[in-house]
Amino acid sequence: MRAGTKWDYAVDEYLDMDIADWRPHQRGGIPIGTEAWIRSAENSHPHGTGPFRYRSLQTSVLGWVVQRVGSGRFSELFAEEVWSKIGAEHDADIVVDRFGFEATNGSMSATLRDWGGWVSCSSRGGRAMGQQVVPSSWLERLRVYSASGANGQVMTIHHPSNSVIVGLSSFPDWLGDRMFDHLWAGQMAVATALQE
């Protein structure tokens, strides 16, 4: 994400939860709902000129665009175009804000096995159940890829060892940087051992 959206990860990731009313809070002077926040976002630099940095708000924008272009709710489109095609055994859930805006920046829950199906599909060039689910060109550049979520959710693709690792955790600290460092080191140790 090289968009110029103004973002302080340590502040705005928590602000996101309050704007969407995902947790009790007493904050005033913040946008009410995710769509209002998207519409009020400011830039810190021109798009495409800064370093790659994850910003949850931009992922929300992408989900919003998918809904507009796809003429349906993100959850329905994702279920039809992806989830149903990877061999998922259960429905996934997605959090919504008070206005029903779906949290495409996270807050999607699924079983460990179904997340494993998604990561496995991604590790196989976007193929699952004998069909192309996601364009392989989106995934070709990834030799080792890891995604993490709040409180210790991780998905790792390690092509050199032909392995995928999925973990569902509950860290005491939401962002838990130190714990993520240990988790990442453990995953890489397993992948390296499998490679040998």
C-alpha atoms as a PDB file:
ATOM      1  CA  MET A   1       0.000   0.000   0.000  1.00  0.00           C
ATOM      2  CA  ARG A   2       1.776   3.071  -1.231  1.00  0.00           C
ATOM      3  CA  ALA A   3      -1.202   5.409  -1.031  1.00  0.00           C
ATOM      4  CA  GLY A   4      -0.571   8.688   0.755  1.00  0.00           C
ATOM      5  CA  THR A   5      -3.299   8.305   3.373  1.00  0.00           C
ATOM      6  CA  LYS A   6      -2.277   9.888   6.666  1.00  0.00           C
ATOM      7  CA  TRP A   7      -1.906   7.022   9.143  1.00  0.00           C
ATOM      8  CA  ASP A   8      -0.273   6.444  12.510  1.00  0.00           C
ATOM      9  CA  TYR A   9      -0.484   2.688  12.998  1.00  0.00           C
ATOM     10  CA  ALA A  10      -0.207   2.798  16.799  1.00  0.00           C
ATOM     11  CA  VAL A  11      -3.086   5.310  17.002  1.00  0.00           C
ATOM     12  CA  ASP A  12      -5.305   4.703  13.992  1.00  0.00           C
ATOM     13  CA  GLU A  13      -5.598   0.924  14.335  1.00  0.00           C
ATOM     14  CA  TYR A  14      -7.231   1.514  17.736  1.00  0.00           C
ATOM     15  CA  LEU A  15      -9.240   4.476  16.450  1.00  0.00           C
ATOM     16  CA  ASP A  16     -10.638   2.179  13.767  1.00  0.00           C
ATOM     17  CA  MET A  17     -12.224  -0.006  16.465  1.00  0.00           C
ATOM     18  CA  ASP A  18     -13.864   2.999  18.114  1.00  0.00           C
ATOM     19  CA  ILE A  19     -15.164   4.521  14.882  1.00  0.00           C
ATOM     20  CA  ALA A  20     -16.762   1.197  13.989  1.00  0.00           C
ATOM     21  CA  ASP A  21     -18.034   0.731  17.580  1.00  0.00           C
ATOM     22  CA  TRP A  22     -16.325  -2.637  17.903  1.00  0.00           C
ATOM     23  CA  ARG A  23     -15.583  -1.901  21.549  1.00  0.00           C
ATOM     24  CA  PRO A  24     -17.112   0.360  24.221  1.00  0.00           C
ATOM     25  CA  HIS A  25     -15.597   3.848  24.236  1.00  0.00           C
ATOM     26  CA  GLN A  26     -16.269   7.422  25.319  1.00  0.00           C
ATOM     27  CA  ARG A  27     -14.446   9.164  22.480  1.00  0.00           C
ATOM     28  CA  GLY A  28     -15.955  12.236  20.920  1.00  0.00           C
ATOM     29  CA  GLY A  29     -14.874  14.194  17.876  1.00  0.00           C
ATOM     30  CA  ILE A  30     -14.319  11.126  15.696  1.00  0.00           C
ATOM     31  CA  PRO A  31     -16.169  10.117  12.527  1.00  0.00           C
ATOM     32  CA  ILE A  32     -19.255   8.004  13.172  1.00  0.00           C
ATOM     33  CA  GLY A  33     -18.945   4.822  11.134  1.00  0.00           C
ATOM     34  CA  THR A  34     -16.367   3.523   8.695  1.00  0.00           C
ATOM     35  CA  GLU A  35     -17.813   5.201   5.603  1.00  0.00           C
ATOM     36  CA  ALA A  36     -17.653   8.615   7.296  1.00  0.00           C
ATOM     37  CA  TRP A  37     -14.025   7.937   8.215  1.00  0.00           C
ATOM     38  CA  ILE A  38     -13.156   6.984   4.630  1.00  0.00           C
ATOM     39  CA  ARG A  39     -14.756  10.179   3.348  1.00  0.00           C
ATOM     40  CA  SER A  40     -12.868  12.333   5.877  1.00  0.00           C
ATOM     41  CA  ALA A  41      -9.394  10.765   5.404  1.00  0.00           C
ATOM     42  CA  GLU A  42      -6.520  13.115   4.631  1.00  0.00           C
ATOM     43  CA  ASN A  43      -3.208  12.476   2.915  1.00  0.00           C
ATOM     44  CA  SER A  44       0.253  12.943   4.368  1.00  0.00           C
ATOM     45  CA  HIS A  45       2.003  12.663   0.967  1.00  0.00           C
ATOM     46  CA  PRO A  46       1.094  12.112  -2.704  1.00  0.00           C
ATOM     47  CA  HIS A  47      -0.145   8.627  -3.586  1.00  0.00           C
ATOM     48  CA  GLY A  48       2.527   6.241  -4.856  1.00  0.00           C
ATOM     49  CA  THR A  49       5.477   8.246  -3.518  1.00  0.00           C
ATOM     50  CA  GLY A  50       5.921   6.908  -0.013  1.00  0.00           C
ATOM     51  CA  PRO A  51       7.084   3.591   1.400  1.00  0.00           C
ATOM     52  CA  PHE A  52       4.856   0.515   1.518  1.00  0.00           C
ATOM     53  CA  ARG A  53       2.904   0.650   4.800  1.00  0.00           C
ATOM     54  CA  TYR A  54      -0.197  -1.251   5.829  1.00  0.00           C
ATOM     55  CA  ARG A  55      -3.187   0.961   6.567  1.00  0.00           C
ATOM     56  CA  SER A  56      -6.444  -0.722   7.592  1.00  0.00           C
ATOM     57  CA  LEU A  57      -8.469   2.172   6.219  1.00  0.00           C
ATOM     58  CA  GLN A  58      -7.221   1.475   2.688  1.00  0.00           C
ATOM     59  CA  THR A  59      -8.340  -2.138   2.958  1.00  0.00           C
ATOM     60  CA  SER A  60     -11.773  -0.831   3.968  1.00  0.00           C
ATOM     61  CA  VAL A  61     -11.761   1.338   0.849  1.00  0.00           C
ATOM     62  CA  LEU A  62     -10.957  -1.708  -1.309  1.00  0.00           C
ATOM     63  CA  GLY A  63     -13.864  -3.615   0.249  1.00  0.00           C
ATOM     64  CA  TRP A  64     -16.143  -0.661  -0.423  1.00  0.00           C
ATOM     65  CA  VAL A  65     -15.011  -0.552  -4.069  1.00  0.00           C
ATOM     66  CA  VAL A  66     -15.653  -4.310  -4.438  1.00  0.00           C
ATOM     67  CA  GLN A  67     -19.198  -3.774  -3.169  1.00  0.00           C
ATOM     68  CA  ARG A  68     -19.839  -0.889  -5.548  1.00  0.00           C
ATOM     69  CA  VAL A  69     -18.414  -2.645  -8.600  1.00  0.00           C
ATOM     70  CA  GLY A  70     -19.842  -6.052  -7.702  1.00  0.00           C
ATOM     71  CA  SER A  71     -23.318  -4.706  -6.879  1.00  0.00           C
ATOM     72  CA  GLY A  72     -23.608  -6.667  -3.646  1.00  0.00           C
ATOM     73  CA  ARG A  73     -22.343  -6.927  -0.108  1.00  0.00           C
ATOM     74  CA  PHE A  74     -18.663  -7.817   0.215  1.00  0.00           C
ATOM     75  CA  SER A  75     -19.479 -10.892   2.319  1.00  0.00           C
ATOM     76  CA  GLU A  76     -21.823 -12.271  -0.351  1.00  0.00           C
ATOM     77  CA  LEU A  77     -19.377 -11.564  -3.191  1.00  0.00           C
ATOM     78  CA  PHE A  78     -16.437 -13.063  -1.271  1.00  0.00           C
ATOM     79  CA  ALA A  79     -18.494 -16.147  -0.382  1.00  0.00           C
ATOM     80  CA  GLU A  80     -19.532 -16.670  -4.004  1.00  0.00           C
ATOM     81  CA  GLU A  81     -16.233 -15.877  -5.727  1.00  0.00           C
ATOM     82  CA  VAL A  82     -13.680 -17.217  -3.214  1.00  0.00           C
ATOM     83  CA  TRP A  83     -14.845 -18.954  -0.049  1.00  0.00           C
ATOM     84  CA  SER A  84     -17.165 -21.437  -1.774  1.00  0.00           C
ATOM     85  CA  LYS A  85     -14.380 -22.386  -4.205  1.00  0.00           C
ATOM     86  CA  ILE A  86     -11.593 -23.247  -1.736  1.00  0.00           C
ATOM     87  CA  GLY A  87     -13.388 -26.164  -0.110  1.00  0.00           C
ATOM     88  CA  ALA A  88     -14.322 -24.256   3.042  1.00  0.00           C
ATOM     89  CA  GLU A  89     -16.362 -26.449   5.372  1.00  0.00           C
ATOM     90  CA  HIS A  90     -18.029 -23.593   7.264  1.00  0.00           C
ATOM     91  CA  ASP A  91     -19.276 -20.087   6.648  1.00  0.00           C
ATOM     92  CA  ALA A  92     -16.960 -17.282   7.737  1.00  0.00           C
ATOM     93  CA  ASP A  93     -18.220 -14.323   9.766  1.00  0.00           C
ATOM     94  CA  ILE A  94     -17.416 -10.654   9.273  1.00  0.00           C
ATOM     95  CA  VAL A  95     -17.901  -7.794  11.733  1.00  0.00           C
ATOM     96  CA  VAL A  96     -20.036  -4.807  10.741  1.00  0.00           C
ATOM     97  CA  ASP A  97     -20.187  -1.292  12.148  1.00  0.00           C
ATOM     98  CA  ARG A  98     -23.433   0.276  13.426  1.00  0.00           C
ATOM     99  CA  PHE A  99     -24.454   1.107   9.856  1.00  0.00           C
ATOM    100  CA  GLY A 100     -23.735  -2.368   8.491  1.00  0.00           C
ATOM    101  CA  PHE A 101     -20.425  -1.441   6.823  1.00  0.00           C
ATOM    102  CA  GLU A 102     -18.490  -4.700   6.616  1.00  0.00           C
ATOM    103  CA  ALA A 103     -15.014  -4.724   8.153  1.00  0.00           C
ATOM    104  CA  THR A 104     -13.003  -5.763   5.115  1.00  0.00           C
ATOM    105  CA  ASN A 105      -9.867  -4.572   6.899  1.00  0.00           C
ATOM    106  CA  GLY A 106     -10.031  -7.479   9.308  1.00  0.00           C
ATOM    107  CA  SER A 107     -12.471  -8.938  11.763  1.00  0.00           C
ATOM    108  CA  MET A 108     -13.317 -11.890   9.582  1.00  0.00           C
ATOM    109  CA  SER A 109     -13.453 -15.107  11.549  1.00  0.00           C
ATOM    110  CA  ALA A 110     -13.293 -18.669  10.310  1.00  0.00           C
ATOM    111  CA  THR A 111     -12.159 -22.071  11.459  1.00  0.00           C
ATOM    112  CA  LEU A 112      -8.478 -22.920  11.478  1.00  0.00           C
ATOM    113  CA  ARG A 113      -9.028 -25.566   8.800  1.00  0.00           C
ATOM    114  CA  ASP A 114     -10.871 -23.147   6.484  1.00  0.00           C
ATOM    115  CA  TRP A 115      -8.164 -20.485   6.900  1.00  0.00           C
ATOM    116  CA  GLY A 116      -5.719 -23.254   6.020  1.00  0.00           C
ATOM    117  CA  GLY A 117      -7.691 -23.870   2.831  1.00  0.00           C
ATOM    118  CA  TRP A 118      -7.328 -20.206   1.878  1.00  0.00           C
ATOM    119  CA  VAL A 119      -3.594 -20.165   2.588  1.00  0.00           C
ATOM    120  CA  SER A 120      -3.133 -23.443   0.721  1.00  0.00           C
ATOM    121  CA  CYS A 121      -4.982 -21.984  -2.292  1.00  0.00           C
ATOM    122  CA  SER A 122      -2.709 -18.957  -2.169  1.00  0.00           C
ATOM    123  CA  SER A 123       0.396 -21.144  -1.993  1.00  0.00           C
ATOM    124  CA  ARG A 124      -0.722 -23.055  -5.099  1.00  0.00           C
ATOM    125  CA  GLY A 125      -0.895 -20.055  -7.376  1.00  0.00           C
ATOM    126  CA  GLY A 126      -4.523 -19.335  -6.529  1.00  0.00           C
ATOM    127  CA  ARG A 127      -5.821 -22.797  -7.435  1.00  0.00           C
ATOM    128  CA  ALA A 128      -8.133 -24.897  -5.285  1.00  0.00           C
ATOM    129  CA  MET A 129     -10.519 -27.763  -5.921  1.00  0.00           C
ATOM    130  CA  GLY A 130      -9.330 -28.052  -9.536  1.00  0.00           C
ATOM    131  CA  GLN A 131     -10.063 -24.444 -10.504  1.00  0.00           C
ATOM    132  CA  GLN A 132      -8.377 -21.047 -10.612  1.00  0.00           C
ATOM    133  CA  VAL A 133      -9.860 -19.042  -7.724  1.00  0.00           C
ATOM    134  CA  VAL A 134      -7.475 -16.084  -7.609  1.00  0.00           C
ATOM    135  CA  PRO A 135      -5.280 -14.930 -10.525  1.00  0.00           C
ATOM    136  CA  SER A 136      -1.838 -16.510 -10.200  1.00  0.00           C
ATOM    137  CA  SER A 137      -0.237 -13.206 -11.239  1.00  0.00           C
ATOM    138  CA  TRP A 138      -1.335 -11.757  -7.874  1.00  0.00           C
ATOM    139  CA  LEU A 139       0.623 -14.420  -6.042  1.00  0.00           C
ATOM    140  CA  GLU A 140       3.675 -15.200  -8.213  1.00  0.00           C
ATOM    141  CA  ARG A 141       5.975 -12.656  -6.579  1.00  0.00           C
ATOM    142  CA  LEU A 142       5.541 -14.170  -3.129  1.00  0.00           C
ATOM    143  CA  ARG A 143       8.263 -16.619  -2.121  1.00  0.00           C
ATOM    144  CA  VAL A 144       7.637 -16.200   1.584  1.00  0.00           C
ATOM    145  CA  TYR A 145       4.474 -14.405   2.618  1.00  0.00           C
ATOM    146  CA  SER A 146       3.014 -13.807   6.031  1.00  0.00           C
ATOM    147  CA  ALA A 147      -0.131 -12.003   7.089  1.00  0.00           C
ATOM    148  CA  SER A 148      -1.018 -11.269  10.673  1.00  0.00           C
ATOM    149  CA  GLY A 149      -4.073 -10.043  12.492  1.00  0.00           C
ATOM    150  CA  ALA A 150      -4.848  -8.597  15.878  1.00  0.00           C
ATOM    151  CA  ASN A 151      -4.083 -10.718  18.927  1.00  0.00           C
ATOM    152  CA  GLY A 152      -1.920 -13.255  17.119  1.00  0.00           C
ATOM    153  CA  GLN A 153      -3.670 -14.538  14.011  1.00  0.00           C
ATOM    154  CA  VAL A 154      -1.110 -15.570  11.390  1.00  0.00           C
ATOM    155  CA  MET A 155      -1.032 -17.076   7.921  1.00  0.00           C
ATOM    156  CA  THR A 156       2.327 -17.882   6.356  1.00  0.00           C
ATOM    157  CA  ILE A 157       3.256 -19.280   2.960  1.00  0.00           C
ATOM    158  CA  HIS A 158       6.827 -20.557   2.717  1.00  0.00           C
ATOM    159  CA  HIS A 159       7.450 -21.758  -0.845  1.00  0.00           C
ATOM    160  CA  PRO A 160      11.053 -22.929  -0.282  1.00  0.00           C
ATOM    161  CA  SER A 161       9.773 -25.622   2.127  1.00  0.00           C
ATOM    162  CA  ASN A 162       6.441 -26.099   0.334  1.00  0.00           C
ATOM    163  CA  SER A 163       4.597 -25.366   3.576  1.00  0.00           C
ATOM    164  CA  VAL A 164       1.790 -23.206   4.906  1.00  0.00           C
ATOM    165  CA  ILE A 165       1.287 -22.265   8.540  1.00  0.00           C
ATOM    166  CA  VAL A 166      -1.935 -20.961  10.056  1.00  0.00           C
ATOM    167  CA  GLY A 167      -2.321 -19.936  13.675  1.00  0.00           C
ATOM    168  CA  LEU A 168      -5.181 -18.581  15.756  1.00  0.00           C
ATOM    169  CA  SER A 169      -4.035 -17.036  19.027  1.00  0.00           C
ATOM    170  CA  SER A 170      -5.219 -14.650  21.695  1.00  0.00           C
ATOM    171  CA  PHE A 171      -2.376 -12.364  22.755  1.00  0.00           C
ATOM    172  CA  PRO A 172      -3.060 -10.201  25.812  1.00  0.00           C
ATOM    173  CA  ASP A 173      -1.949  -7.100  23.873  1.00  0.00           C
ATOM    174  CA  TRP A 174      -3.900  -6.406  20.695  1.00  0.00           C
ATOM    175  CA  LEU A 175      -0.892  -5.629  18.508  1.00  0.00           C
ATOM    176  CA  GLY A 176       1.576  -7.712  20.574  1.00  0.00           C
ATOM    177  CA  ASP A 177       4.695  -6.842  18.569  1.00  0.00           C
ATOM    178  CA  ARG A 178       7.078  -8.836  20.780  1.00  0.00           C
ATOM    179  CA  MET A 179       4.860 -11.888  20.713  1.00  0.00           C
ATOM    180  CA  PHE A 180       4.522 -11.624  16.921  1.00  0.00           C
ATOM    181  CA  ASP A 181       8.329 -11.544  16.689  1.00  0.00           C
ATOM    182  CA  HIS A 182       8.532 -14.819  18.639  1.00  0.00           C
ATOM    183  CA  LEU A 183       5.709 -16.347  16.623  1.00  0.00           C
ATOM    184  CA  TRP A 184       7.398 -15.367  13.336  1.00  0.00           C
ATOM    185  CA  ALA A 185      10.727 -16.800  14.502  1.00  0.00           C
ATOM    186  CA  GLY A 186       9.000 -20.061  15.443  1.00  0.00           C
ATOM    187  CA  GLN A 187       7.273 -20.298  12.089  1.00  0.00           C
ATOM    188  CA  MET A 188      10.516 -19.715  10.214  1.00  0.00           C
ATOM    189  CA  ALA A 189      12.279 -22.357  12.354  1.00  0.00           C
ATOM    190  CA  VAL A 190       9.586 -24.914  11.442  1.00  0.00           C
ATOM    191  CA  ALA A 191       9.703 -23.958   7.750  1.00  0.00           C
ATOM    192  CA  THR A 192      13.515 -24.150   7.697  1.00  0.00           C
ATOM    193  CA  ALA A 193      13.461 -27.580   9.347  1.00  0.00           C
ATOM    194  CA  LEU A 194      10.939 -28.788   6.747  1.00  0.00           C
ATOM    195  CA  GLN A 195      13.164 -27.472   3.979  1.00  0.00           C
ATOM    196  CA  GLU A 196      16.224 -29.448   5.117  1.00  0.00           C
END
